[in-house]
């Protein structure tokens, strides 16, 4: 994990992350391998934008959308005491 993403994971507040965004991110991470490259990129950046609007501080600018999504889901599970 890049140092900037690790630092962000320690500081990010995901309390405003909507259940809808969480479900979409989970679905994306489960199914991205079956998408075309174009669809994978478009959906990844769309979801990254949605996450960025709902968390604070925003993710590092150079972080890959999949890394951002996986990180916020892991942080959310940890903050909720799930798994």
PDB file of N, CA and C in Angstrom:
ATOM      1  N   UNK A   1       0.853  -1.173   0.000  1.00  0.00           N
ATOM      2  CA  UNK A   1       0.000   0.000   0.000  1.00  0.00           C
ATOM      3  C   UNK A   1       0.901   1.240   0.000  1.00  0.00           C
ATOM      4  N   UNK A   2       0.634   2.184  -0.896  1.00  0.00           N
ATOM      5  CA  UNK A   2       1.431   3.409  -0.923  1.00  0.00           C
ATOM      6  C   UNK A   2       1.317   4.170   0.407  1.00  0.00           C
ATOM      7  N   UNK A   3       2.393   4.805   0.851  1.00  0.00           N
ATOM      8  CA  UNK A   3       2.369   5.529   2.124  1.00  0.00           C
ATOM      9  C   UNK A   3       1.255   6.569   2.217  1.00  0.00           C
ATOM     10  N   UNK A   4       0.968   7.270   1.110  1.00  0.00           N
ATOM     11  CA  UNK A   4      -0.082   8.298   1.151  1.00  0.00           C
ATOM     12  C   UNK A   4      -1.455   7.671   1.400  1.00  0.00           C
ATOM     13  N   UNK A   5      -1.684   6.492   0.840  1.00  0.00           N
ATOM     14  CA  UNK A   5      -2.963   5.811   1.034  1.00  0.00           C
ATOM     15  C   UNK A   5      -3.074   5.262   2.457  1.00  0.00           C
ATOM     16  N   UNK A   6      -1.985   4.757   2.970  1.00  0.00           N
ATOM     17  CA  UNK A   6      -1.963   4.255   4.340  1.00  0.00           C
ATOM     18  C   UNK A   6      -2.238   5.383   5.331  1.00  0.00           C
ATOM     19  N   UNK A   7      -1.599   6.518   5.139  1.00  0.00           N
ATOM     20  CA  UNK A   7      -1.834   7.676   6.016  1.00  0.00           C
ATOM     21  C   UNK A   7      -3.289   8.125   5.925  1.00  0.00           C
ATOM     22  N   UNK A   8      -3.829   8.128   4.717  1.00  0.00           N
ATOM     23  CA  UNK A   8      -5.224   8.521   4.534  1.00  0.00           C
ATOM     24  C   UNK A   8      -6.157   7.537   5.226  1.00  0.00           C
ATOM     25  N   UNK A   9      -5.873   6.254   5.108  1.00  0.00           N
ATOM     26  CA  UNK A   9      -6.716   5.225   5.738  1.00  0.00           C
ATOM     27  C   UNK A   9      -6.784   5.421   7.252  1.00  0.00           C
ATOM     28  N   UNK A  10      -5.710   5.890   7.833  1.00  0.00           N
ATOM     29  CA  UNK A  10      -5.687   6.122   9.283  1.00  0.00           C
ATOM     30  C   UNK A  10      -6.483   7.353   9.688  1.00  0.00           C
ATOM     31  N   UNK A  11      -6.696   8.276   8.758  1.00  0.00           N
ATOM     32  CA  UNK A  11      -7.337   9.550   9.095  1.00  0.00           C
ATOM     33  C   UNK A  11      -8.751   9.712   8.554  1.00  0.00           C
ATOM     34  N   UNK A  12      -9.126   8.913   7.578  1.00  0.00           N
ATOM     35  CA  UNK A  12     -10.391   9.146   6.877  1.00  0.00           C
ATOM     36  C   UNK A  12     -11.603   8.882   7.777  1.00  0.00           C
ATOM     37  N   UNK A  13     -12.581   9.773   7.659  1.00  0.00           N
ATOM     38  CA  UNK A  13     -13.866   9.621   8.346  1.00  0.00           C
ATOM     39  C   UNK A  13     -14.876   9.137   7.311  1.00  0.00           C
ATOM     40  N   UNK A  14     -15.379   7.939   7.508  1.00  0.00           N
ATOM     41  CA  UNK A  14     -16.321   7.350   6.550  1.00  0.00           C
ATOM     42  C   UNK A  14     -17.756   7.359   7.071  1.00  0.00           C
ATOM     43  N   UNK A  15     -18.015   8.110   8.119  1.00  0.00           N
ATOM     44  CA  UNK A  15     -19.341   8.089   8.749  1.00  0.00           C
ATOM     45  C   UNK A  15     -20.449   8.608   7.833  1.00  0.00           C
ATOM     46  N   UNK A  16     -20.111   9.411   6.834  1.00  0.00           N
ATOM     47  CA  UNK A  16     -21.129   9.921   5.908  1.00  0.00           C
ATOM     48  C   UNK A  16     -21.269   9.056   4.653  1.00  0.00           C
ATOM     49  N   UNK A  17     -20.538   7.970   4.594  1.00  0.00           N
ATOM     50  CA  UNK A  17     -20.603   7.077   3.440  1.00  0.00           C
ATOM     51  C   UNK A  17     -21.976   6.412   3.400  1.00  0.00           C
ATOM     52  N   UNK A  18     -22.688   6.600   2.309  1.00  0.00           N
ATOM     53  CA  UNK A  18     -24.041   6.049   2.220  1.00  0.00           C
ATOM     54  C   UNK A  18     -24.027   4.542   2.022  1.00  0.00           C
ATOM     55  N   UNK A  19     -25.085   3.906   2.491  1.00  0.00           N
ATOM     56  CA  UNK A  19     -25.222   2.456   2.282  1.00  0.00           C
ATOM     57  C   UNK A  19     -25.244   2.131   0.792  1.00  0.00           C
ATOM     58  N   UNK A  20     -25.838   3.009   0.012  1.00  0.00           N
ATOM     59  CA  UNK A  20     -25.915   2.793  -1.442  1.00  0.00           C
ATOM     60  C   UNK A  20     -24.512   2.784  -2.054  1.00  0.00           C
ATOM     61  N   UNK A  21     -23.684   3.748  -1.672  1.00  0.00           N
ATOM     62  CA  UNK A  21     -22.318   3.804  -2.190  1.00  0.00           C
ATOM     63  C   UNK A  21     -21.535   2.576  -1.748  1.00  0.00           C
ATOM     64  N   UNK A  22     -21.731   2.158  -0.515  1.00  0.00           N
ATOM     65  CA  UNK A  22     -21.053   0.964  -0.007  1.00  0.00           C
ATOM     66  C   UNK A  22     -21.450  -0.251  -0.845  1.00  0.00           C
ATOM     67  N   UNK A  23     -22.738  -0.433  -1.086  1.00  0.00           N
ATOM     68  CA  UNK A  23     -23.200  -1.575  -1.889  1.00  0.00           C
ATOM     69  C   UNK A  23     -22.620  -1.534  -3.302  1.00  0.00           C
ATOM     70  N   UNK A  24     -22.613  -0.345  -3.908  1.00  0.00           N
ATOM     71  CA  UNK A  24     -22.078  -0.213  -5.255  1.00  0.00           C
ATOM     72  C   UNK A  24     -20.580  -0.521  -5.289  1.00  0.00           C
ATOM     73  N   UNK A  25     -19.847  -0.038  -4.295  1.00  0.00           N
ATOM     74  CA  UNK A  25     -18.404  -0.303  -4.235  1.00  0.00           C
ATOM     75  C   UNK A  25     -18.142  -1.791  -4.039  1.00  0.00           C
ATOM     76  N   UNK A  26     -18.913  -2.423  -3.168  1.00  0.00           N
ATOM     77  CA  UNK A  26     -18.753  -3.871  -2.949  1.00  0.00           C
ATOM     78  C   UNK A  26     -19.039  -4.642  -4.231  1.00  0.00           C
ATOM     79  N   UNK A  27     -20.095  -4.267  -4.912  1.00  0.00           N
ATOM     80  CA  UNK A  27     -20.464  -4.931  -6.175  1.00  0.00           C
ATOM     81  C   UNK A  27     -19.363  -4.736  -7.220  1.00  0.00           C
ATOM     82  N   UNK A  28     -18.844  -3.532  -7.299  1.00  0.00           N
ATOM     83  CA  UNK A  28     -17.778  -3.238  -8.253  1.00  0.00           C
ATOM     84  C   UNK A  28     -16.539  -4.088  -7.962  1.00  0.00           C
ATOM     85  N   UNK A  29     -16.120  -4.133  -6.714  1.00  0.00           N
ATOM     86  CA  UNK A  29     -14.912  -4.879  -6.371  1.00  0.00           C
ATOM     87  C   UNK A  29     -15.081  -6.380  -6.594  1.00  0.00           C
ATOM     88  N   UNK A  30     -16.309  -6.868  -6.443  1.00  0.00           N
ATOM     89  CA  UNK A  30     -16.558  -8.297  -6.715  1.00  0.00           C
ATOM     90  C   UNK A  30     -16.572  -8.599  -8.212  1.00  0.00           C
ATOM     91  N   UNK A  31     -17.008  -7.637  -9.007  1.00  0.00           N
ATOM     92  CA  UNK A  31     -17.242  -7.940 -10.421  1.00  0.00           C
ATOM     93  C   UNK A  31     -16.360  -7.253 -11.436  1.00  0.00           C
ATOM     94  N   UNK A  32     -15.406  -6.447 -10.990  1.00  0.00           N
ATOM     95  CA  UNK A  32     -14.620  -5.683 -11.960  1.00  0.00           C
ATOM     96  C   UNK A  32     -13.865  -6.571 -12.949  1.00  0.00           C
ATOM     97  N   UNK A  33     -13.494  -7.765 -12.547  1.00  0.00           N
ATOM     98  CA  UNK A  33     -12.741  -8.663 -13.446  1.00  0.00           C
ATOM     99  C   UNK A  33     -13.565  -9.082 -14.662  1.00  0.00           C
ATOM    100  N   UNK A  34     -14.868  -8.982 -14.547  1.00  0.00           N
ATOM    101  CA  UNK A  34     -15.750  -9.407 -15.631  1.00  0.00           C
ATOM    102  C   UNK A  34     -16.195  -8.240 -16.511  1.00  0.00           C
ATOM    103  N   UNK A  35     -15.697  -7.048 -16.222  1.00  0.00           N
ATOM    104  CA  UNK A  35     -16.062  -5.858 -16.999  1.00  0.00           C
ATOM    105  C   UNK A  35     -15.021  -5.619 -18.092  1.00  0.00           C
ATOM    106  N   UNK A  36     -15.445  -4.916 -19.126  1.00  0.00           N
ATOM    107  CA  UNK A  36     -14.469  -4.478 -20.120  1.00  0.00           C
ATOM    108  C   UNK A  36     -13.581  -3.421 -19.459  1.00  0.00           C
ATOM    109  N   UNK A  37     -12.422  -3.207 -20.011  1.00  0.00           N
ATOM    110  CA  UNK A  37     -11.491  -2.222 -19.454  1.00  0.00           C
ATOM    111  C   UNK A  37     -12.141  -0.845 -19.377  1.00  0.00           C
ATOM    112  N   UNK A  38     -12.841  -0.459 -20.429  1.00  0.00           N
ATOM    113  CA  UNK A  38     -13.505   0.845 -20.457  1.00  0.00           C
ATOM    114  C   UNK A  38     -14.555   0.950 -19.357  1.00  0.00           C
ATOM    115  N   UNK A  39     -15.408  -0.051 -19.222  1.00  0.00           N
ATOM    116  CA  UNK A  39     -16.447  -0.043 -18.190  1.00  0.00           C
ATOM    117  C   UNK A  39     -15.826  -0.040 -16.796  1.00  0.00           C
ATOM    118  N   UNK A  40     -14.777  -0.823 -16.616  1.00  0.00           N
ATOM    119  CA  UNK A  40     -14.087  -0.908 -15.333  1.00  0.00           C
ATOM    120  C   UNK A  40     -13.537   0.465 -14.934  1.00  0.00           C
ATOM    121  N   UNK A  41     -12.920   1.153 -15.885  1.00  0.00           N
ATOM    122  CA  UNK A  41     -12.347   2.466 -15.592  1.00  0.00           C
ATOM    123  C   UNK A  41     -13.433   3.496 -15.316  1.00  0.00           C
ATOM    124  N   UNK A  42     -14.457   3.523 -16.154  1.00  0.00           N
ATOM    125  CA  UNK A  42     -15.531   4.504 -15.967  1.00  0.00           C
ATOM    126  C   UNK A  42     -16.235   4.311 -14.627  1.00  0.00           C
ATOM    127  N   UNK A  43     -16.590   3.090 -14.311  1.00  0.00           N
ATOM    128  CA  UNK A  43     -17.285   2.805 -13.057  1.00  0.00           C
ATOM    129  C   UNK A  43     -16.372   3.061 -11.864  1.00  0.00           C
ATOM    130  N   UNK A  44     -15.112   2.699 -11.977  1.00  0.00           N
ATOM    131  CA  UNK A  44     -14.162   2.934 -10.894  1.00  0.00           C
ATOM    132  C   UNK A  44     -14.023   4.409 -10.569  1.00  0.00           C
ATOM    133  N   UNK A  45     -13.869   5.241 -11.588  1.00  0.00           N
ATOM    134  CA  UNK A  45     -13.732   6.679 -11.348  1.00  0.00           C
ATOM    135  C   UNK A  45     -15.050   7.299 -10.884  1.00  0.00           C
ATOM    136  N   UNK A  46     -16.176   6.797 -11.384  1.00  0.00           N
ATOM    137  CA  UNK A  46     -17.471   7.302 -10.915  1.00  0.00           C
ATOM    138  C   UNK A  46     -17.637   7.018  -9.424  1.00  0.00           C
ATOM    139  N   UNK A  47     -17.317   5.802  -9.012  1.00  0.00           N
ATOM    140  CA  UNK A  47     -17.440   5.437  -7.601  1.00  0.00           C
ATOM    141  C   UNK A  47     -16.421   6.171  -6.738  1.00  0.00           C
ATOM    142  N   UNK A  48     -15.228   6.362  -7.249  1.00  0.00           N
ATOM    143  CA  UNK A  48     -14.226   7.137  -6.503  1.00  0.00           C
ATOM    144  C   UNK A  48     -14.746   8.555  -6.254  1.00  0.00           C
ATOM    145  N   UNK A  49     -15.357   9.164  -7.272  1.00  0.00           N
ATOM    146  CA  UNK A  49     -15.931  10.508  -7.112  1.00  0.00           C
ATOM    147  C   UNK A  49     -17.029  10.513  -6.056  1.00  0.00           C
ATOM    148  N   UNK A  50     -17.870   9.479  -6.068  1.00  0.00           N
ATOM    149  CA  UNK A  50     -18.946   9.388  -5.071  1.00  0.00           C
ATOM    150  C   UNK A  50     -18.367   9.260  -3.671  1.00  0.00           C
ATOM    151  N   UNK A  51     -17.355   8.433  -3.515  1.00  0.00           N
ATOM    152  CA  UNK A  51     -16.708   8.258  -2.216  1.00  0.00           C
ATOM    153  C   UNK A  51     -16.065   9.568  -1.773  1.00  0.00           C
ATOM    154  N   UNK A  52     -15.361  10.207  -2.685  1.00  0.00           N
ATOM    155  CA  UNK A  52     -14.670  11.456  -2.358  1.00  0.00           C
ATOM    156  C   UNK A  52     -15.641  12.519  -1.841  1.00  0.00           C
ATOM    157  N   UNK A  53     -16.862  12.531  -2.370  1.00  0.00           N
ATOM    158  CA  UNK A  53     -17.866  13.503  -1.930  1.00  0.00           C
ATOM    159  C   UNK A  53     -18.440  13.169  -0.551  1.00  0.00           C
ATOM    160  N   UNK A  54     -18.204  11.941  -0.067  1.00  0.00           N
ATOM    161  CA  UNK A  54     -18.834  11.501   1.175  1.00  0.00           C
ATOM    162  C   UNK A  54     -17.856  11.264   2.325  1.00  0.00           C
ATOM    163  N   UNK A  55     -16.575  11.382   2.076  1.00  0.00           N
ATOM    164  CA  UNK A  55     -15.595  11.138   3.134  1.00  0.00           C
ATOM    165  C   UNK A  55     -14.746  12.389   3.356  1.00  0.00           C
ATOM    166  N   UNK A  56     -14.071  12.390   4.491  1.00  0.00           N
ATOM    167  CA  UNK A  56     -13.191  13.508   4.798  1.00  0.00           C
ATOM    168  C   UNK A  56     -11.989  12.992   5.569  1.00  0.00           C
ATOM    169  N   UNK A  57     -10.810  13.384   5.210  1.00  0.00           N
ATOM    170  CA  UNK A  57     -10.399  14.159   4.038  1.00  0.00           C
ATOM    171  C   UNK A  57     -10.535  13.320   2.769  1.00  0.00           C
ATOM    172  N   UNK A  58     -10.445  13.974   1.614  1.00  0.00           N
ATOM    173  CA  UNK A  58     -10.534  13.220   0.358  1.00  0.00           C
ATOM    174  C   UNK A  58      -9.328  12.303   0.195  1.00  0.00           C
ATOM    175  N   UNK A  59      -9.463  11.275  -0.637  1.00  0.00           N
ATOM    176  CA  UNK A  59      -8.342  10.356  -0.864  1.00  0.00           C
ATOM    177  C   UNK A  59      -7.195  11.070  -1.574  1.00  0.00           C
ATOM    178  N   UNK A  60      -6.010  10.519  -1.462  1.00  0.00           N
ATOM    179  CA  UNK A  60      -4.869  11.105  -2.193  1.00  0.00           C
ATOM    180  C   UNK A  60      -5.174  11.147  -3.691  1.00  0.00           C
ATOM    181  N   UNK A  61      -4.764  12.208  -4.329  1.00  0.00           N
ATOM    182  CA  UNK A  61      -5.063  12.399  -5.752  1.00  0.00           C
ATOM    183  C   UNK A  61      -4.488  11.290  -6.624  1.00  0.00           C
ATOM    184  N   UNK A  62      -3.373  10.696  -6.204  1.00  0.00           N
ATOM    185  CA  UNK A  62      -2.737   9.680  -7.029  1.00  0.00           C
ATOM    186  C   UNK A  62      -3.200   8.255  -6.721  1.00  0.00           C
ATOM    187  N   UNK A  63      -4.152   8.120  -5.818  1.00  0.00           N
ATOM    188  CA  UNK A  63      -4.624   6.781  -5.439  1.00  0.00           C
ATOM    189  C   UNK A  63      -5.541   6.207  -6.520  1.00  0.00           C
ATOM    190  N   UNK A  64      -5.330   4.951  -6.826  1.00  0.00           N
ATOM    191  CA  UNK A  64      -6.146   4.245  -7.825  1.00  0.00           C
ATOM    192  C   UNK A  64      -7.554   4.046  -7.261  1.00  0.00           C
ATOM    193  N   UNK A  65      -8.587   4.192  -8.107  1.00  0.00           N
ATOM    194  CA  UNK A  65      -9.960   4.030  -7.624  1.00  0.00           C
ATOM    195  C   UNK A  65     -10.207   2.727  -6.860  1.00  0.00           C
ATOM    196  N   UNK A  66      -9.673   1.605  -7.349  1.00  0.00           N
ATOM    197  CA  UNK A  66      -9.894   0.331  -6.650  1.00  0.00           C
ATOM    198  C   UNK A  66      -9.300   0.361  -5.259  1.00  0.00           C
ATOM    199  N   UNK A  67      -8.132   0.970  -5.114  1.00  0.00           N
ATOM    200  CA  UNK A  67      -7.501   1.072  -3.798  1.00  0.00           C
ATOM    201  C   UNK A  67      -8.323   1.950  -2.861  1.00  0.00           C
ATOM    202  N   UNK A  68      -8.863   3.033  -3.392  1.00  0.00           N
ATOM    203  CA  UNK A  68      -9.696   3.925  -2.587  1.00  0.00           C
ATOM    204  C   UNK A  68     -10.941   3.182  -2.115  1.00  0.00           C
ATOM    205  N   UNK A  69     -11.591   2.475  -3.021  1.00  0.00           N
ATOM    206  CA  UNK A  69     -12.813   1.753  -2.665  1.00  0.00           C
ATOM    207  C   UNK A  69     -12.541   0.670  -1.632  1.00  0.00           C
ATOM    208  N   UNK A  70     -11.507  -0.123  -1.865  1.00  0.00           N
ATOM    209  CA  UNK A  70     -11.172  -1.186  -0.914  1.00  0.00           C
ATOM    210  C   UNK A  70     -10.822  -0.602   0.453  1.00  0.00           C
ATOM    211  N   UNK A  71     -10.130   0.520   0.463  1.00  0.00           N
ATOM    212  CA  UNK A  71      -9.733   1.146   1.729  1.00  0.00           C
ATOM    213  C   UNK A  71     -10.936   1.654   2.496  1.00  0.00           C
ATOM    214  N   UNK A  72     -11.839   2.375   1.835  1.00  0.00           N
ATOM    215  CA  UNK A  72     -12.988   2.911   2.591  1.00  0.00           C
ATOM    216  C   UNK A  72     -13.890   1.792   3.093  1.00  0.00           C
ATOM    217  N   UNK A  73     -14.003   0.710   2.330  1.00  0.00           N
ATOM    218  CA  UNK A  73     -14.818  -0.410   2.809  1.00  0.00           C
ATOM    219  C   UNK A  73     -14.172  -1.061   4.027  1.00  0.00           C
ATOM    220  N   UNK A  74     -12.855  -1.215   4.002  1.00  0.00           N
ATOM    221  CA  UNK A  74     -12.157  -1.801   5.151  1.00  0.00           C
ATOM    222  C   UNK A  74     -12.253  -0.894   6.371  1.00  0.00           C
ATOM    223  N   UNK A  75     -12.076   0.402   6.176  1.00  0.00           N
ATOM    224  CA  UNK A  75     -12.166   1.350   7.295  1.00  0.00           C
ATOM    225  C   UNK A  75     -13.583   1.354   7.852  1.00  0.00           C
ATOM    226  N   UNK A  76     -14.562   1.333   6.979  1.00  0.00           N
ATOM    227  CA  UNK A  76     -15.958   1.324   7.444  1.00  0.00           C
ATOM    228  C   UNK A  76     -16.259   0.078   8.263  1.00  0.00           C
ATOM    229  N   UNK A  77     -15.817  -1.077   7.778  1.00  0.00           N
ATOM    230  CA  UNK A  77     -16.033  -2.314   8.541  1.00  0.00           C
ATOM    231  C   UNK A  77     -15.362  -2.225   9.907  1.00  0.00           C
ATOM    232  N   UNK A  78     -14.163  -1.710   9.937  1.00  0.00           N
ATOM    233  CA  UNK A  78     -13.432  -1.574  11.205  1.00  0.00           C
ATOM    234  C   UNK A  78     -14.152  -0.624  12.154  1.00  0.00           C
ATOM    235  N   UNK A  79     -14.594   0.520  11.636  1.00  0.00           N
ATOM    236  CA  UNK A  79     -15.291   1.502  12.473  1.00  0.00           C
ATOM    237  C   UNK A  79     -16.625   0.974  12.983  1.00  0.00           C
ATOM    238  N   UNK A  80     -17.255   0.099  12.213  1.00  0.00           N
ATOM    239  CA  UNK A  80     -18.522  -0.498  12.632  1.00  0.00           C
ATOM    240  C   UNK A  80     -18.313  -1.760  13.477  1.00  0.00           C
ATOM    241  N   UNK A  81     -17.060  -2.208  13.598  1.00  0.00           N
ATOM    242  CA  UNK A  81     -16.768  -3.403  14.358  1.00  0.00           C
ATOM    243  C   UNK A  81     -17.134  -4.684  13.642  1.00  0.00           C
ATOM    244  N   UNK A  82     -17.124  -4.625  12.318  1.00  0.00           N
ATOM    245  CA  UNK A  82     -17.461  -5.796  11.502  1.00  0.00           C
ATOM    246  C   UNK A  82     -16.172  -6.400  10.966  1.00  0.00           C
ATOM    247  N   UNK A  83     -16.012  -7.687  11.194  1.00  0.00           N
ATOM    248  CA  UNK A  83     -14.936  -8.479  10.672  1.00  0.00           C
ATOM    249  C   UNK A  83     -13.599  -7.884  10.709  1.00  0.00           C
TER     250      UNK A  83
END
